[in-house]
């Protein structure tokens, strides 16, 4: 199974009913231009924990869409076309469409994760993103706060994948931070990031979990 292709295909399916068509085309183009790493990590974590990844593409896409929606929101926040009113009208109109697209992507992601044991973690990712973007305005190193999105989303991916097998992952933070910080210019191709050594470390986080306690 080609996990990257599976994530991309399922992401397209998840937004296939969006209208008007031009708006859907914009969303599909944005998704195609991004990295499927969060969704792929979800499937790798599920496989490592003992679940069938082929049955979990919707869960992986839930993680993926939340990431894509938030990264679009981050881009708009960092290059605010509404600030000061000097941006061309076309840029402001484009940004209005983009912010709507970001909302749609995050909402679709939440919908796909709503009945999973990763739902609470998904909510926390969005809350943390909001806090980071607020603090960013006065931060000495705003880029460091921007980068927390990737750490948080990869943590969500590990949780979403592992809990699909009825397991609770170990400490996901260090591994998520390692994956998020290995490349300065964004995620590489999944096959590059998730080499044999990375898969061993994923197994260390997902395979060592205890059975999930539904009362936790």
N, C-alpha and C. Protein backbone atom coordinates (compact mmCIF):
# COMPACT_ATOMS: atom_id res chain seq x y z
N UNK A 1 0.85 -1.21 0.00
CA UNK A 1 0.00 0.00 0.00
C UNK A 1 0.88 1.25 0.00
N UNK A 2 0.64 2.12 -0.94
CA UNK A 2 1.34 3.40 -1.00
C UNK A 2 0.59 4.38 -0.09
N UNK A 3 1.14 4.60 1.10
CA UNK A 3 0.44 5.41 2.08
C UNK A 3 0.23 6.85 1.61
N UNK A 4 1.24 7.42 0.98
CA UNK A 4 1.11 8.81 0.52
C UNK A 4 0.00 8.93 -0.51
N UNK A 5 -0.04 8.00 -1.46
CA UNK A 5 -1.10 8.03 -2.48
C UNK A 5 -2.47 7.80 -1.85
N UNK A 6 -2.52 6.92 -0.85
CA UNK A 6 -3.80 6.65 -0.18
C UNK A 6 -4.32 7.89 0.53
N UNK A 7 -3.42 8.61 1.19
CA UNK A 7 -3.82 9.83 1.90
C UNK A 7 -4.29 10.89 0.91
N UNK A 8 -3.54 11.07 -0.15
CA UNK A 8 -3.93 12.09 -1.14
C UNK A 8 -5.28 11.74 -1.78
N UNK A 9 -5.46 10.46 -2.11
CA UNK A 9 -6.72 10.06 -2.73
C UNK A 9 -7.90 10.23 -1.79
N UNK A 10 -7.72 9.85 -0.54
CA UNK A 10 -8.80 9.97 0.43
C UNK A 10 -9.09 11.43 0.77
N UNK A 11 -8.06 12.27 0.74
CA UNK A 11 -8.28 13.70 0.97
C UNK A 11 -9.14 14.29 -0.14
N UNK A 12 -8.86 13.88 -1.36
CA UNK A 12 -9.69 14.33 -2.47
C UNK A 12 -11.13 13.88 -2.32
N UNK A 13 -11.32 12.65 -1.88
CA UNK A 13 -12.68 12.15 -1.66
C UNK A 13 -13.40 12.94 -0.58
N UNK A 14 -12.65 13.36 0.44
CA UNK A 14 -13.26 14.05 1.58
C UNK A 14 -13.79 15.43 1.22
N UNK A 15 -13.26 16.02 0.15
CA UNK A 15 -13.72 17.36 -0.25
C UNK A 15 -14.47 17.33 -1.58
N UNK A 16 -14.79 16.15 -2.07
CA UNK A 16 -15.37 16.01 -3.41
C UNK A 16 -16.76 16.62 -3.53
N UNK A 17 -17.46 16.79 -2.42
CA UNK A 17 -18.82 17.31 -2.48
C UNK A 17 -18.91 18.81 -2.28
N UNK A 18 -17.77 19.47 -2.15
CA UNK A 18 -17.77 20.91 -1.90
C UNK A 18 -18.16 21.66 -3.17
N UNK A 19 -19.02 22.63 -2.98
CA UNK A 19 -19.44 23.49 -4.09
C UNK A 19 -19.31 24.94 -3.65
N UNK A 20 -19.13 25.85 -4.62
CA UNK A 20 -19.09 25.63 -6.07
C UNK A 20 -17.80 24.94 -6.52
N UNK A 21 -17.81 24.49 -7.75
CA UNK A 21 -16.69 23.72 -8.28
C UNK A 21 -15.39 24.51 -8.25
N UNK A 22 -15.44 25.78 -8.53
CA UNK A 22 -14.22 26.59 -8.52
C UNK A 22 -13.59 26.63 -7.13
N UNK A 23 -14.43 26.73 -6.12
CA UNK A 23 -13.93 26.71 -4.74
C UNK A 23 -13.31 25.36 -4.42
N UNK A 24 -13.97 24.29 -4.83
CA UNK A 24 -13.41 22.95 -4.61
C UNK A 24 -12.08 22.79 -5.33
N UNK A 25 -11.98 23.31 -6.53
CA UNK A 25 -10.72 23.23 -7.28
C UNK A 25 -9.59 23.93 -6.53
N UNK A 26 -9.90 25.07 -5.92
CA UNK A 26 -8.89 25.79 -5.14
C UNK A 26 -8.42 24.95 -3.95
N UNK A 27 -9.36 24.31 -3.27
CA UNK A 27 -9.01 23.47 -2.13
C UNK A 27 -8.18 22.28 -2.57
N UNK A 28 -8.58 21.63 -3.64
CA UNK A 28 -7.84 20.47 -4.13
C UNK A 28 -6.43 20.86 -4.55
N UNK A 29 -6.27 22.03 -5.15
CA UNK A 29 -4.94 22.49 -5.55
C UNK A 29 -4.07 22.74 -4.33
N UNK A 30 -4.66 23.32 -3.28
CA UNK A 30 -3.90 23.56 -2.06
C UNK A 30 -3.48 22.25 -1.42
N UNK A 31 -4.37 21.27 -1.37
CA UNK A 31 -4.04 19.97 -0.81
C UNK A 31 -2.93 19.29 -1.61
N UNK A 32 -3.01 19.37 -2.92
CA UNK A 32 -2.02 18.71 -3.78
C UNK A 32 -0.64 19.33 -3.61
N UNK A 33 -0.60 20.61 -3.25
CA UNK A 33 0.67 21.31 -3.11
C UNK A 33 1.32 21.06 -1.75
N UNK A 34 0.60 20.42 -0.84
CA UNK A 34 1.11 20.19 0.50
C UNK A 34 1.73 18.81 0.67
N UNK A 35 2.21 18.56 1.87
CA UNK A 35 2.83 17.28 2.20
C UNK A 35 1.84 16.36 2.88
N UNK A 36 1.81 15.07 2.50
CA UNK A 36 0.91 14.12 3.16
C UNK A 36 1.52 13.48 4.41
N UNK A 37 2.62 14.04 4.91
CA UNK A 37 3.33 13.43 6.04
C UNK A 37 2.42 13.18 7.25
N UNK A 38 1.58 14.13 7.69
CA UNK A 38 0.74 13.83 8.87
C UNK A 38 -0.17 12.62 8.66
N UNK A 39 -0.80 12.53 7.50
CA UNK A 39 -1.66 11.38 7.24
C UNK A 39 -0.89 10.08 7.15
N UNK A 40 0.28 10.14 6.52
CA UNK A 40 1.11 8.93 6.41
C UNK A 40 1.56 8.46 7.78
N UNK A 41 1.96 9.39 8.65
CA UNK A 41 2.38 8.99 9.99
C UNK A 41 1.23 8.35 10.76
N UNK A 42 0.03 8.83 10.55
CA UNK A 42 -1.14 8.20 11.19
C UNK A 42 -1.25 6.73 10.79
N UNK A 43 -1.09 6.44 9.51
CA UNK A 43 -1.18 5.06 9.03
C UNK A 43 -0.01 4.22 9.52
N UNK A 44 1.17 4.80 9.55
CA UNK A 44 2.33 4.06 10.05
C UNK A 44 2.17 3.72 11.53
N UNK A 45 1.65 4.67 12.30
CA UNK A 45 1.42 4.42 13.72
C UNK A 45 0.37 3.33 13.92
N UNK A 46 -0.68 3.38 13.12
CA UNK A 46 -1.72 2.36 13.22
C UNK A 46 -1.17 0.98 12.90
N UNK A 47 -0.40 0.90 11.84
CA UNK A 47 0.19 -0.39 11.45
C UNK A 47 1.12 -0.91 12.54
N UNK A 48 1.93 -0.02 13.08
CA UNK A 48 2.87 -0.42 14.12
C UNK A 48 2.15 -0.91 15.37
N UNK A 49 0.99 -0.32 15.66
CA UNK A 49 0.23 -0.72 16.85
C UNK A 49 -0.62 -1.95 16.62
N UNK A 50 -0.68 -2.43 15.39
CA UNK A 50 -1.40 -3.67 15.12
C UNK A 50 -2.72 -3.53 14.40
N UNK A 51 -3.05 -2.31 13.94
CA UNK A 51 -4.29 -2.10 13.19
C UNK A 51 -4.04 -2.23 11.69
N UNK A 52 -5.11 -2.36 10.94
CA UNK A 52 -5.01 -2.46 9.48
C UNK A 52 -5.07 -1.06 8.89
N UNK A 53 -3.96 -0.55 8.37
CA UNK A 53 -3.97 0.83 7.86
C UNK A 53 -4.91 1.03 6.68
N UNK A 54 -5.15 -0.02 5.91
CA UNK A 54 -6.03 0.11 4.75
C UNK A 54 -7.45 0.50 5.15
N UNK A 55 -7.83 0.18 6.37
CA UNK A 55 -9.18 0.50 6.85
C UNK A 55 -9.25 1.84 7.57
N UNK A 56 -8.13 2.57 7.59
CA UNK A 56 -8.06 3.76 8.44
C UNK A 56 -7.71 5.02 7.67
N UNK A 57 -7.93 5.01 6.36
CA UNK A 57 -7.56 6.20 5.58
C UNK A 57 -8.39 7.42 5.98
N UNK A 58 -9.64 7.23 6.35
CA UNK A 58 -10.45 8.38 6.78
C UNK A 58 -9.87 9.02 8.04
N UNK A 59 -9.42 8.20 8.95
CA UNK A 59 -8.80 8.72 10.18
C UNK A 59 -7.53 9.50 9.83
N UNK A 60 -6.74 8.95 8.93
CA UNK A 60 -5.51 9.63 8.51
C UNK A 60 -5.83 10.96 7.84
N UNK A 61 -6.87 10.97 7.03
CA UNK A 61 -7.25 12.20 6.34
C UNK A 61 -7.81 13.23 7.32
N UNK A 62 -8.45 12.78 8.39
CA UNK A 62 -8.89 13.72 9.41
C UNK A 62 -7.72 14.51 9.97
N UNK A 63 -6.63 13.82 10.27
CA UNK A 63 -5.42 14.48 10.75
C UNK A 63 -4.87 15.40 9.66
N UNK A 64 -4.82 14.89 8.45
CA UNK A 64 -4.25 15.65 7.33
C UNK A 64 -5.02 16.95 7.07
N UNK A 65 -6.33 16.89 7.07
CA UNK A 65 -7.12 18.07 6.76
C UNK A 65 -7.01 19.13 7.85
N UNK A 66 -6.94 18.70 9.10
CA UNK A 66 -6.73 19.66 10.18
C UNK A 66 -5.40 20.38 9.98
N UNK A 67 -4.37 19.63 9.64
CA UNK A 67 -3.07 20.26 9.40
C UNK A 67 -3.13 21.24 8.23
N UNK A 68 -3.70 20.80 7.13
CA UNK A 68 -3.74 21.67 5.95
C UNK A 68 -4.56 22.93 6.21
N UNK A 69 -5.65 22.80 6.93
CA UNK A 69 -6.44 23.98 7.25
C UNK A 69 -5.69 24.95 8.15
N UNK A 70 -4.97 24.43 9.12
CA UNK A 70 -4.22 25.29 10.04
C UNK A 70 -3.00 25.90 9.38
N UNK A 71 -2.35 25.16 8.50
CA UNK A 71 -1.18 25.76 7.83
C UNK A 71 -1.62 26.87 6.88
N UNK A 72 -2.80 26.74 6.29
CA UNK A 72 -3.32 27.83 5.46
C UNK A 72 -3.66 29.03 6.33
N UNK A 73 -4.25 28.79 7.48
CA UNK A 73 -4.54 29.87 8.42
C UNK A 73 -3.25 30.56 8.86
N UNK A 74 -2.23 29.79 9.14
CA UNK A 74 -0.93 30.35 9.54
C UNK A 74 -0.35 31.24 8.45
N UNK A 75 -0.45 30.78 7.21
CA UNK A 75 0.07 31.57 6.10
C UNK A 75 -0.64 32.91 6.00
N UNK A 76 -1.94 32.90 6.18
CA UNK A 76 -2.71 34.14 6.13
C UNK A 76 -2.37 35.05 7.30
N UNK A 77 -2.15 34.46 8.47
CA UNK A 77 -1.81 35.26 9.64
C UNK A 77 -0.45 35.92 9.49
N UNK A 78 0.48 35.23 8.84
CA UNK A 78 1.83 35.75 8.69
C UNK A 78 1.94 36.78 7.57
N UNK A 79 1.02 36.73 6.64
CA UNK A 79 1.04 37.67 5.51
C UNK A 79 -0.36 38.24 5.37
N UNK A 80 -0.73 39.05 6.34
CA UNK A 80 -2.11 39.51 6.49
C UNK A 80 -2.47 40.55 5.42
N UNK A 81 -3.28 40.19 4.45
CA UNK A 81 -3.63 41.15 3.40
C UNK A 81 -4.63 42.21 3.85
N UNK A 82 -5.23 42.00 5.03
CA UNK A 82 -6.21 42.97 5.52
C UNK A 82 -5.56 44.04 6.40
N UNK A 83 -4.32 43.83 6.79
CA UNK A 83 -3.64 44.73 7.72
C UNK A 83 -3.25 46.02 7.01
N UNK A 84 -3.79 47.13 7.45
CA UNK A 84 -3.41 48.42 6.88
C UNK A 84 -4.17 48.81 5.63
N UNK A 85 -4.81 47.86 4.98
CA UNK A 85 -5.62 48.21 3.82
C UNK A 85 -4.85 48.55 2.57
N UNK A 86 -3.53 48.25 2.54
CA UNK A 86 -2.73 48.61 1.37
C UNK A 86 -2.66 47.51 0.33
N UNK A 87 -3.09 46.32 0.67
CA UNK A 87 -3.02 45.20 -0.27
C UNK A 87 -4.02 45.42 -1.41
N UNK A 88 -3.67 44.96 -2.61
CA UNK A 88 -4.61 45.08 -3.73
C UNK A 88 -5.93 44.38 -3.41
N UNK A 89 -6.98 44.86 -4.03
CA UNK A 89 -8.29 44.28 -3.80
C UNK A 89 -8.30 42.79 -4.11
N UNK A 90 -7.61 42.40 -5.19
CA UNK A 90 -7.57 40.99 -5.58
C UNK A 90 -6.96 40.13 -4.48
N UNK A 91 -5.92 40.65 -3.82
CA UNK A 91 -5.27 39.90 -2.75
C UNK A 91 -6.21 39.72 -1.56
N UNK A 92 -6.97 40.75 -1.24
CA UNK A 92 -7.92 40.64 -0.13
C UNK A 92 -9.04 39.66 -0.47
N UNK A 93 -9.50 39.70 -1.70
CA UNK A 93 -10.55 38.76 -2.11
C UNK A 93 -10.04 37.33 -2.10
N UNK A 94 -8.79 37.14 -2.55
CA UNK A 94 -8.19 35.81 -2.52
C UNK A 94 -8.06 35.31 -1.09
N UNK A 95 -7.68 36.20 -0.19
CA UNK A 95 -7.53 35.82 1.21
C UNK A 95 -8.88 35.47 1.83
N UNK A 96 -9.93 36.15 1.43
CA UNK A 96 -11.27 35.81 1.93
C UNK A 96 -11.66 34.39 1.55
N UNK A 97 -11.32 34.00 0.33
CA UNK A 97 -11.59 32.63 -0.12
C UNK A 97 -10.73 31.65 0.65
N UNK A 98 -9.46 32.02 0.86
CA UNK A 98 -8.54 31.12 1.55
C UNK A 98 -8.96 30.87 3.00
N UNK A 99 -9.42 31.90 3.68
CA UNK A 99 -9.81 31.69 5.07
C UNK A 99 -11.05 30.81 5.16
N UNK A 100 -11.93 30.93 4.19
CA UNK A 100 -13.09 30.03 4.14
C UNK A 100 -12.63 28.60 3.87
N UNK A 101 -11.67 28.44 2.96
CA UNK A 101 -11.13 27.11 2.67
C UNK A 101 -10.49 26.50 3.91
N UNK A 102 -9.76 27.31 4.66
CA UNK A 102 -9.12 26.81 5.88
C UNK A 102 -10.17 26.32 6.87
N UNK A 103 -11.24 27.08 7.03
CA UNK A 103 -12.32 26.66 7.94
C UNK A 103 -12.95 25.35 7.49
N UNK A 104 -13.16 25.21 6.19
CA UNK A 104 -13.75 23.98 5.66
C UNK A 104 -12.84 22.79 5.93
N UNK A 105 -11.55 22.95 5.71
CA UNK A 105 -10.62 21.84 5.90
C UNK A 105 -10.57 21.40 7.36
N UNK A 106 -10.47 22.35 8.27
CA UNK A 106 -10.42 21.99 9.69
C UNK A 106 -11.73 21.34 10.11
N UNK A 107 -12.85 21.87 9.65
CA UNK A 107 -14.15 21.29 10.00
C UNK A 107 -14.29 19.86 9.49
N UNK A 108 -13.85 19.62 8.26
CA UNK A 108 -13.91 18.27 7.71
C UNK A 108 -13.00 17.33 8.51
N UNK A 109 -11.85 17.83 8.89
CA UNK A 109 -10.95 17.01 9.69
C UNK A 109 -11.56 16.62 11.02
N UNK A 110 -12.18 17.59 11.69
CA UNK A 110 -12.86 17.30 12.95
C UNK A 110 -13.97 16.28 12.76
N UNK A 111 -14.72 16.41 11.69
CA UNK A 111 -15.81 15.48 11.44
C UNK A 111 -15.29 14.05 11.33
N UNK A 112 -14.18 13.88 10.64
CA UNK A 112 -13.63 12.54 10.43
C UNK A 112 -13.04 11.94 11.71
N UNK A 113 -12.64 12.79 12.64
CA UNK A 113 -12.05 12.30 13.90
C UNK A 113 -13.04 12.33 15.07
N UNK A 114 -14.24 12.82 14.84
CA UNK A 114 -15.17 13.10 15.94
C UNK A 114 -15.49 11.88 16.78
N UNK A 115 -15.60 10.72 16.16
CA UNK A 115 -15.98 9.50 16.89
C UNK A 115 -14.77 8.62 17.20
N UNK A 116 -13.60 9.21 17.20
CA UNK A 116 -12.39 8.44 17.49
C UNK A 116 -11.81 8.87 18.83
N UNK A 117 -10.86 8.09 19.31
CA UNK A 117 -10.20 8.43 20.57
C UNK A 117 -9.17 9.53 20.40
N UNK A 118 -9.04 10.05 19.19
CA UNK A 118 -8.13 11.17 18.95
C UNK A 118 -8.87 12.50 18.91
N UNK A 119 -10.17 12.49 19.13
CA UNK A 119 -10.96 13.72 19.01
C UNK A 119 -10.50 14.80 19.98
N UNK A 120 -10.26 14.43 21.22
CA UNK A 120 -9.83 15.41 22.22
C UNK A 120 -8.48 15.99 21.85
N UNK A 121 -7.57 15.15 21.38
CA UNK A 121 -6.26 15.62 20.96
C UNK A 121 -6.38 16.59 19.79
N UNK A 122 -7.31 16.32 18.89
CA UNK A 122 -7.52 17.21 17.74
C UNK A 122 -7.97 18.59 18.20
N UNK A 123 -8.87 18.63 19.16
CA UNK A 123 -9.32 19.92 19.70
C UNK A 123 -8.15 20.66 20.33
N UNK A 124 -7.30 19.94 21.04
CA UNK A 124 -6.16 20.58 21.69
C UNK A 124 -5.17 21.14 20.67
N UNK A 125 -5.02 20.47 19.54
CA UNK A 125 -4.14 20.99 18.49
C UNK A 125 -4.62 22.37 18.04
N UNK A 126 -5.91 22.50 17.81
CA UNK A 126 -6.45 23.78 17.35
C UNK A 126 -6.34 24.84 18.44
N UNK A 127 -6.59 24.47 19.68
CA UNK A 127 -6.45 25.43 20.78
C UNK A 127 -5.01 25.90 20.91
N UNK A 128 -4.07 24.96 20.83
CA UNK A 128 -2.66 25.32 20.94
C UNK A 128 -2.24 26.23 19.80
N UNK A 129 -2.75 25.95 18.62
CA UNK A 129 -2.44 26.79 17.47
C UNK A 129 -2.92 28.22 17.71
N UNK A 130 -4.12 28.36 18.22
CA UNK A 130 -4.64 29.69 18.51
C UNK A 130 -3.80 30.43 19.53
N UNK A 131 -3.38 29.72 20.59
CA UNK A 131 -2.53 30.35 21.60
C UNK A 131 -1.20 30.77 21.00
N UNK A 132 -0.60 29.89 20.22
CA UNK A 132 0.71 30.19 19.63
C UNK A 132 0.63 31.39 18.70
N UNK A 133 -0.42 31.47 17.91
CA UNK A 133 -0.54 32.59 16.98
C UNK A 133 -0.80 33.90 17.71
N UNK A 134 -1.48 33.84 18.85
CA UNK A 134 -1.68 35.04 19.66
C UNK A 134 -0.37 35.50 20.28
N UNK A 135 0.39 34.55 20.85
CA UNK A 135 1.66 34.89 21.47
C UNK A 135 2.70 35.32 20.45
N UNK A 136 2.55 34.86 19.23
CA UNK A 136 3.50 35.15 18.17
C UNK A 136 3.65 36.66 17.92
N UNK A 137 2.58 37.39 18.13
CA UNK A 137 2.57 38.82 17.82
C UNK A 137 3.65 39.58 18.58
N UNK A 138 3.94 39.14 19.81
CA UNK A 138 4.92 39.84 20.64
C UNK A 138 6.14 38.97 20.94
N UNK A 139 6.29 37.87 20.24
CA UNK A 139 7.38 36.93 20.54
C UNK A 139 8.70 37.40 19.93
N UNK A 140 9.80 37.08 20.63
CA UNK A 140 11.13 37.37 20.10
C UNK A 140 11.47 36.46 18.93
N UNK A 141 10.93 35.25 18.95
CA UNK A 141 11.20 34.28 17.88
C UNK A 141 9.87 33.73 17.38
N UNK A 142 9.16 34.50 16.57
CA UNK A 142 7.84 34.04 16.12
C UNK A 142 7.88 32.77 15.29
N UNK A 143 8.98 32.55 14.57
CA UNK A 143 9.08 31.34 13.74
C UNK A 143 9.04 30.08 14.60
N UNK A 144 9.60 30.16 15.80
CA UNK A 144 9.60 28.98 16.67
C UNK A 144 8.17 28.62 17.07
N UNK A 145 7.34 29.62 17.30
CA UNK A 145 5.94 29.34 17.63
C UNK A 145 5.20 28.80 16.41
N UNK A 146 5.52 29.31 15.24
CA UNK A 146 4.91 28.78 14.01
C UNK A 146 5.20 27.29 13.87
N UNK A 147 6.43 26.90 14.19
CA UNK A 147 6.85 25.51 14.00
C UNK A 147 6.15 24.54 14.95
N UNK A 148 5.55 25.07 16.01
CA UNK A 148 4.86 24.19 16.94
C UNK A 148 3.66 23.49 16.29
N UNK A 149 3.14 24.06 15.23
CA UNK A 149 2.01 23.41 14.55
C UNK A 149 2.40 22.02 14.06
N UNK A 150 3.57 21.92 13.44
CA UNK A 150 3.99 20.61 12.93
C UNK A 150 4.20 19.61 14.07
N UNK A 151 4.76 20.07 15.17
CA UNK A 151 4.96 19.18 16.32
C UNK A 151 3.61 18.69 16.84
N UNK A 152 2.68 19.60 16.99
CA UNK A 152 1.37 19.23 17.53
C UNK A 152 0.61 18.30 16.60
N UNK A 153 0.69 18.55 15.31
CA UNK A 153 -0.05 17.71 14.36
C UNK A 153 0.57 16.32 14.27
N UNK A 154 1.88 16.21 14.33
CA UNK A 154 2.49 14.88 14.30
C UNK A 154 2.21 14.12 15.60
N UNK A 155 2.09 14.84 16.70
CA UNK A 155 1.64 14.19 17.94
C UNK A 155 0.23 13.65 17.75
N UNK A 156 -0.64 14.45 17.15
CA UNK A 156 -2.00 13.99 16.87
C UNK A 156 -1.98 12.76 15.97
N UNK A 157 -1.11 12.74 14.98
CA UNK A 157 -1.02 11.59 14.07
C UNK A 157 -0.65 10.32 14.83
N UNK A 158 0.32 10.43 15.73
CA UNK A 158 0.73 9.26 16.51
C UNK A 158 -0.41 8.78 17.41
N UNK A 159 -1.12 9.71 18.00
CA UNK A 159 -2.26 9.34 18.86
C UNK A 159 -3.38 8.72 18.03
N UNK A 160 -3.71 9.34 16.91
CA UNK A 160 -4.81 8.84 16.08
C UNK A 160 -4.51 7.45 15.55
N UNK A 161 -3.28 7.22 15.14
CA UNK A 161 -2.92 5.91 14.62
C UNK A 161 -2.88 4.84 15.69
N UNK A 162 -2.27 5.15 16.81
CA UNK A 162 -2.12 4.16 17.87
C UNK A 162 -3.46 3.78 18.49
N UNK A 163 -4.30 4.78 18.74
CA UNK A 163 -5.59 4.49 19.37
C UNK A 163 -6.52 3.71 18.44
N UNK A 164 -6.25 3.74 17.15
CA UNK A 164 -7.06 2.94 16.22
C UNK A 164 -6.91 1.45 16.50
N UNK A 165 -5.80 1.08 17.11
CA UNK A 165 -5.56 -0.32 17.47
C UNK A 165 -5.96 -0.62 18.90
N UNK A 166 -6.61 0.35 19.57
CA UNK A 166 -7.00 0.14 20.96
C UNK A 166 -5.86 0.28 21.93
N UNK A 167 -4.80 0.94 21.50
CA UNK A 167 -3.63 1.13 22.35
C UNK A 167 -3.48 2.61 22.70
N UNK A 168 -2.79 2.87 23.79
CA UNK A 168 -2.41 4.22 24.16
C UNK A 168 -0.92 4.39 23.88
N UNK A 169 -0.53 5.39 23.11
CA UNK A 169 0.89 5.55 22.79
C UNK A 169 1.70 5.95 24.00
N UNK A 170 3.00 5.74 23.89
CA UNK A 170 3.91 6.24 24.91
C UNK A 170 4.08 7.74 24.76
N UNK A 171 5.22 8.25 25.15
CA UNK A 171 5.48 9.69 25.09
C UNK A 171 5.71 10.09 23.63
N UNK A 172 4.72 10.73 23.03
CA UNK A 172 4.79 11.06 21.61
C UNK A 172 5.56 12.35 21.33
N UNK A 173 5.66 13.22 22.32
CA UNK A 173 6.23 14.55 22.09
C UNK A 173 7.62 14.56 21.50
N UNK A 174 8.58 13.85 22.10
CA UNK A 174 9.94 13.89 21.55
C UNK A 174 10.04 13.39 20.12
N UNK A 175 9.33 12.33 19.79
CA UNK A 175 9.40 11.80 18.43
C UNK A 175 8.74 12.77 17.45
N UNK A 176 7.61 13.33 17.82
CA UNK A 176 6.96 14.32 16.95
C UNK A 176 7.86 15.52 16.71
N UNK A 177 8.52 15.98 17.75
CA UNK A 177 9.43 17.12 17.61
C UNK A 177 10.63 16.76 16.74
N UNK A 178 11.12 15.55 16.88
CA UNK A 178 12.23 15.11 16.03
C UNK A 178 11.83 15.12 14.56
N UNK A 179 10.69 14.53 14.25
CA UNK A 179 10.24 14.49 12.85
C UNK A 179 9.98 15.89 12.32
N UNK A 180 9.38 16.75 13.14
CA UNK A 180 9.04 18.10 12.69
C UNK A 180 10.28 18.95 12.47
N UNK A 181 11.35 18.67 13.21
CA UNK A 181 12.51 19.54 13.17
C UNK A 181 13.67 19.05 12.33
N UNK A 182 13.50 17.94 11.63
CA UNK A 182 14.62 17.38 10.88
C UNK A 182 14.93 18.16 9.60
N UNK A 183 13.98 18.93 9.13
CA UNK A 183 14.17 19.66 7.88
C UNK A 183 13.67 21.09 8.07
N UNK A 184 14.49 22.06 7.64
CA UNK A 184 14.17 23.46 7.87
C UNK A 184 13.16 24.03 6.87
N UNK A 185 13.01 23.39 5.73
CA UNK A 185 12.18 23.96 4.67
C UNK A 185 10.90 23.17 4.44
N UNK A 186 10.36 22.61 5.50
CA UNK A 186 9.12 21.85 5.39
C UNK A 186 9.36 20.36 5.32
N UNK A 187 8.29 19.62 5.32
CA UNK A 187 8.39 18.16 5.29
C UNK A 187 8.96 17.68 3.96
N UNK A 188 9.82 16.68 4.00
CA UNK A 188 10.27 16.04 2.77
C UNK A 188 9.24 15.01 2.32
N UNK A 189 9.57 14.26 1.30
CA UNK A 189 8.71 13.15 0.91
C UNK A 189 8.61 12.16 2.08
N UNK A 190 7.45 11.57 2.29
CA UNK A 190 7.30 10.63 3.41
C UNK A 190 8.33 9.51 3.41
N UNK A 191 8.70 9.01 2.24
CA UNK A 191 9.67 7.92 2.19
C UNK A 191 11.03 8.36 2.71
N UNK A 192 11.34 9.64 2.57
CA UNK A 192 12.60 10.17 3.08
C UNK A 192 12.55 10.33 4.59
N UNK A 193 11.47 10.88 5.08
CA UNK A 193 11.35 11.12 6.52
C UNK A 193 11.19 9.83 7.30
N UNK A 194 10.38 8.92 6.77
CA UNK A 194 10.07 7.70 7.51
C UNK A 194 10.90 6.53 6.98
N UNK A 195 12.20 6.63 7.20
CA UNK A 195 13.09 5.55 6.81
C UNK A 195 13.01 4.43 7.84
N UNK A 196 13.85 3.42 7.69
CA UNK A 196 13.78 2.27 8.60
C UNK A 196 14.00 2.67 10.05
N UNK A 197 14.95 3.58 10.27
CA UNK A 197 15.21 4.03 11.63
C UNK A 197 14.02 4.74 12.23
N UNK A 198 13.37 5.58 11.43
CA UNK A 198 12.19 6.29 11.91
C UNK A 198 11.06 5.33 12.23
N UNK A 199 10.91 4.31 11.41
CA UNK A 199 9.84 3.34 11.66
C UNK A 199 10.10 2.55 12.95
N UNK A 200 11.36 2.32 13.24
CA UNK A 200 11.69 1.65 14.50
C UNK A 200 11.31 2.52 15.68
N UNK A 201 11.56 3.82 15.57
CA UNK A 201 11.20 4.73 16.66
C UNK A 201 9.68 4.87 16.78
N UNK A 202 8.99 4.83 15.67
CA UNK A 202 7.52 4.84 15.73
C UNK A 202 7.02 3.61 16.49
N UNK A 203 7.62 2.47 16.19
CA UNK A 203 7.23 1.24 16.89
C UNK A 203 7.50 1.34 18.38
N UNK A 204 8.57 2.04 18.75
CA UNK A 204 8.88 2.21 20.16
C UNK A 204 7.83 3.02 20.90
N UNK A 205 7.19 3.95 20.20
CA UNK A 205 6.16 4.77 20.82
C UNK A 205 4.80 4.08 20.79
N UNK A 206 4.49 3.42 19.69
CA UNK A 206 3.15 2.85 19.53
C UNK A 206 3.04 1.43 20.05
N UNK A 207 4.11 0.68 19.96
CA UNK A 207 4.06 -0.71 20.36
C UNK A 207 4.20 -0.92 21.84
N UNK A 208 4.66 0.11 22.55
CA UNK A 208 4.86 -0.05 23.98
C UNK A 208 3.71 0.46 24.81
N UNK A 209 2.61 0.82 24.13
CA UNK A 209 1.46 1.38 24.85
C UNK A 209 0.69 0.30 25.57
N UNK A 210 -0.07 0.72 26.57
CA UNK A 210 -0.96 -0.20 27.28
C UNK A 210 -2.31 -0.21 26.58
N UNK A 211 -3.13 -1.22 26.80
CA UNK A 211 -4.48 -1.21 26.21
C UNK A 211 -5.23 0.05 26.62
N UNK A 212 -5.94 0.62 25.68
CA UNK A 212 -6.64 1.87 25.91
C UNK A 212 -7.74 1.71 26.95
N UNK A 213 -7.71 2.56 27.97
CA UNK A 213 -8.76 2.59 28.98
C UNK A 213 -9.81 3.62 28.57
N UNK A 214 -10.99 3.18 28.24
CA UNK A 214 -12.02 4.08 27.74
C UNK A 214 -12.46 5.08 28.80
N UNK A 215 -12.07 4.87 30.06
CA UNK A 215 -12.46 5.79 31.12
C UNK A 215 -11.39 6.83 31.40
N UNK A 216 -10.27 6.79 30.64
CA UNK A 216 -9.21 7.77 30.87
C UNK A 216 -9.70 9.18 30.56
